[in-house]
Amino acid sequence: MSTLFTPYMVLLILAAAVATYLTRIGGYVLVKRLKTMPPRLEAALNAVPAAVLTTLVAPAFFAGTIDIKIAMAVSLLVGLRFSAIPMLIAGWIVVMLLRQFLV
């Protein structure tokens, strides 16, 4: 067995997979058992996508170089007007141009 796949690493991956599965299925079971969804629970569930997006974008913005920050700013501006695909394309183009000519 290689040093990358030690028994402890395999157990850790399996434990993480089981924990992920249980949290996902647990949320589904909990919501299915409710007759009506309380307003606070609905508000909390509505806040999840913004929280996930923040946890993905914030580290890249604060740890990234200037080309990433400019591309994210351009993507934000494009995203205010257009859908996700043009936003993604604009950010990709900006970061590639900046890396080609500035870095």
C-alpha atoms as a PDB file:
ATOM      1  CA  MET A   1       0.000   0.000   0.000  1.00  0.00           C
ATOM      2  CA  SER A   2       1.385   3.412  -0.885  1.00  0.00           C
ATOM      3  CA  THR A   3       1.995   6.134   1.662  1.00  0.00           C
ATOM      4  CA  LEU A   4      -0.906   8.069   0.184  1.00  0.00           C
ATOM      5  CA  PHE A   5      -3.476   5.391   1.008  1.00  0.00           C
ATOM      6  CA  THR A   6      -2.664   4.345   4.543  1.00  0.00           C
ATOM      7  CA  PRO A   7      -5.331   2.470   6.501  1.00  0.00           C
ATOM      8  CA  TYR A   8      -5.954   5.606   8.561  1.00  0.00           C
ATOM      9  CA  MET A   9      -6.502   7.698   5.430  1.00  0.00           C
ATOM     10  CA  VAL A  10      -8.955   5.169   4.010  1.00  0.00           C
ATOM     11  CA  LEU A  11     -10.854   5.113   7.326  1.00  0.00           C
ATOM     12  CA  LEU A  12     -10.920   8.908   7.382  1.00  0.00           C
ATOM     13  CA  ILE A  13     -12.338   9.050   3.852  1.00  0.00           C
ATOM     14  CA  LEU A  14     -14.969   6.441   4.689  1.00  0.00           C
ATOM     15  CA  ALA A  15     -15.916   8.260   7.910  1.00  0.00           C
ATOM     16  CA  ALA A  16     -16.257  11.539   6.021  1.00  0.00           C
ATOM     17  CA  ALA A  17     -18.435   9.843   3.396  1.00  0.00           C
ATOM     18  CA  VAL A  18     -20.699   8.325   6.067  1.00  0.00           C
ATOM     19  CA  ALA A  19     -20.956  11.652   7.932  1.00  0.00           C
ATOM     20  CA  THR A  20     -21.830  13.474   4.706  1.00  0.00           C
ATOM     21  CA  TYR A  21     -24.453  10.909   3.800  1.00  0.00           C
ATOM     22  CA  LEU A  22     -26.030  10.967   7.269  1.00  0.00           C
ATOM     23  CA  THR A  23     -26.260  14.758   7.384  1.00  0.00           C
ATOM     24  CA  ARG A  24     -27.845  14.900   3.943  1.00  0.00           C
ATOM     25  CA  ILE A  25     -30.336  12.116   4.513  1.00  0.00           C
ATOM     26  CA  GLY A  26     -31.044  13.407   8.036  1.00  0.00           C
ATOM     27  CA  GLY A  27     -32.102  16.787   6.716  1.00  0.00           C
ATOM     28  CA  TYR A  28     -34.345  15.172   4.136  1.00  0.00           C
ATOM     29  CA  VAL A  29     -35.987  12.906   6.717  1.00  0.00           C
ATOM     30  CA  LEU A  30     -36.473  15.805   9.131  1.00  0.00           C
ATOM     31  CA  VAL A  31     -38.159  18.023   6.547  1.00  0.00           C
ATOM     32  CA  LYS A  32     -40.328  15.164   5.226  1.00  0.00           C
ATOM     33  CA  ARG A  33     -41.652  14.419   8.740  1.00  0.00           C
ATOM     34  CA  LEU A  34     -42.848  17.974   9.267  1.00  0.00           C
ATOM     35  CA  LYS A  35     -46.464  18.655   8.314  1.00  0.00           C
ATOM     36  CA  THR A  36     -45.769  22.360   7.817  1.00  0.00           C
ATOM     37  CA  MET A  37     -42.412  24.035   7.705  1.00  0.00           C
ATOM     38  CA  PRO A  38     -41.876  26.652  10.424  1.00  0.00           C
ATOM     39  CA  PRO A  39     -41.011  30.112   9.060  1.00  0.00           C
ATOM     40  CA  ARG A  40     -37.659  30.166  10.872  1.00  0.00           C
ATOM     41  CA  LEU A  41     -36.633  26.842   9.342  1.00  0.00           C
ATOM     42  CA  GLU A  42     -37.670  28.045   5.902  1.00  0.00           C
ATOM     43  CA  ALA A  43     -35.647  31.246   6.382  1.00  0.00           C
ATOM     44  CA  ALA A  44     -32.630  29.227   7.505  1.00  0.00           C
ATOM     45  CA  LEU A  45     -32.871  26.929   4.492  1.00  0.00           C
ATOM     46  CA  ASN A  46     -33.194  29.932   2.180  1.00  0.00           C
ATOM     47  CA  ALA A  47     -29.940  31.335   3.612  1.00  0.00           C
ATOM     48  CA  VAL A  48     -27.901  28.200   2.870  1.00  0.00           C
ATOM     49  CA  PRO A  49     -27.019  28.959  -0.797  1.00  0.00           C
ATOM     50  CA  ALA A  50     -25.638  32.402   0.081  1.00  0.00           C
ATOM     51  CA  ALA A  51     -23.634  30.939   2.961  1.00  0.00           C
ATOM     52  CA  VAL A  52     -22.151  28.215   0.757  1.00  0.00           C
ATOM     53  CA  LEU A  53     -21.287  30.716  -1.968  1.00  0.00           C
ATOM     54  CA  THR A  54     -19.584  32.947   0.586  1.00  0.00           C
ATOM     55  CA  THR A  55     -17.486  30.072   1.934  1.00  0.00           C
ATOM     56  CA  LEU A  56     -16.340  29.273  -1.591  1.00  0.00           C
ATOM     57  CA  VAL A  57     -15.655  32.808  -2.815  1.00  0.00           C
ATOM     58  CA  ALA A  58     -14.210  34.568   0.252  1.00  0.00           C
ATOM     59  CA  PRO A  59     -11.036  32.458   0.669  1.00  0.00           C
ATOM     60  CA  ALA A  60     -10.239  32.719  -3.040  1.00  0.00           C
ATOM     61  CA  PHE A  61     -10.715  36.487  -2.930  1.00  0.00           C
ATOM     62  CA  PHE A  62      -8.635  37.153   0.177  1.00  0.00           C
ATOM     63  CA  ALA A  63      -5.864  34.645  -0.566  1.00  0.00           C
ATOM     64  CA  GLY A  64      -5.796  35.247  -4.317  1.00  0.00           C
ATOM     65  CA  THR A  65      -3.560  37.511  -6.305  1.00  0.00           C
ATOM     66  CA  ILE A  66      -4.645  40.723  -8.002  1.00  0.00           C
ATOM     67  CA  ASP A  67      -5.709  38.938 -11.210  1.00  0.00           C
ATOM     68  CA  ILE A  68      -8.186  36.795  -9.283  1.00  0.00           C
ATOM     69  CA  LYS A  69      -9.564  39.800  -7.414  1.00  0.00           C
ATOM     70  CA  ILE A  70     -10.094  41.774 -10.627  1.00  0.00           C
ATOM     71  CA  ALA A  71     -11.717  38.773 -12.334  1.00  0.00           C
ATOM     72  CA  MET A  72     -14.055  38.288  -9.373  1.00  0.00           C
ATOM     73  CA  ALA A  73     -15.022  41.959  -9.432  1.00  0.00           C
ATOM     74  CA  VAL A  74     -15.745  41.785 -13.171  1.00  0.00           C
ATOM     75  CA  SER A  75     -17.733  38.583 -12.630  1.00  0.00           C
ATOM     76  CA  LEU A  76     -19.766  40.287  -9.931  1.00  0.00           C
ATOM     77  CA  LEU A  77     -20.623  43.172 -12.231  1.00  0.00           C
ATOM     78  CA  VAL A  78     -21.512  40.866 -15.117  1.00  0.00           C
ATOM     79  CA  GLY A  79     -23.539  38.670 -12.742  1.00  0.00           C
ATOM     80  CA  LEU A  80     -25.666  41.639 -11.729  1.00  0.00           C
ATOM     81  CA  ARG A  81     -26.876  41.964 -15.319  1.00  0.00           C
ATOM     82  CA  PHE A  82     -26.622  38.490 -16.879  1.00  0.00           C
ATOM     83  CA  SER A  83     -27.003  34.840 -15.854  1.00  0.00           C
ATOM     84  CA  ALA A  84     -24.356  32.482 -14.489  1.00  0.00           C
ATOM     85  CA  ILE A  85     -22.826  31.350 -17.793  1.00  0.00           C
ATOM     86  CA  PRO A  86     -21.909  34.839 -19.097  1.00  0.00           C
ATOM     87  CA  MET A  87     -20.609  35.657 -15.606  1.00  0.00           C
ATOM     88  CA  LEU A  88     -18.390  32.566 -15.624  1.00  0.00           C
ATOM     89  CA  ILE A  89     -17.128  33.282 -19.128  1.00  0.00           C
ATOM     90  CA  ALA A  90     -16.370  36.928 -18.319  1.00  0.00           C
ATOM     91  CA  GLY A  91     -14.416  35.990 -15.195  1.00  0.00           C
ATOM     92  CA  TRP A  92     -12.495  33.313 -17.044  1.00  0.00           C
ATOM     93  CA  ILE A  93     -11.596  35.651 -19.909  1.00  0.00           C
ATOM     94  CA  VAL A  94     -10.468  38.417 -17.558  1.00  0.00           C
ATOM     95  CA  VAL A  95      -8.278  36.166 -15.436  1.00  0.00           C
ATOM     96  CA  MET A  96      -6.704  34.564 -18.521  1.00  0.00           C
ATOM     97  CA  LEU A  97      -5.961  37.956 -20.106  1.00  0.00           C
ATOM     98  CA  LEU A  98      -4.518  39.312 -16.881  1.00  0.00           C
ATOM     99  CA  ARG A  99      -2.335  36.247 -16.413  1.00  0.00           C
ATOM    100  CA  GLN A 100      -1.137  36.488 -20.005  1.00  0.00           C
ATOM    101  CA  PHE A 101      -0.242  40.182 -19.941  1.00  0.00           C
ATOM    102  CA  LEU A 102       0.356  41.143 -16.299  1.00  0.00           C
ATOM    103  CA  VAL A 103       1.780  38.163 -14.462  1.00  0.00           C
END
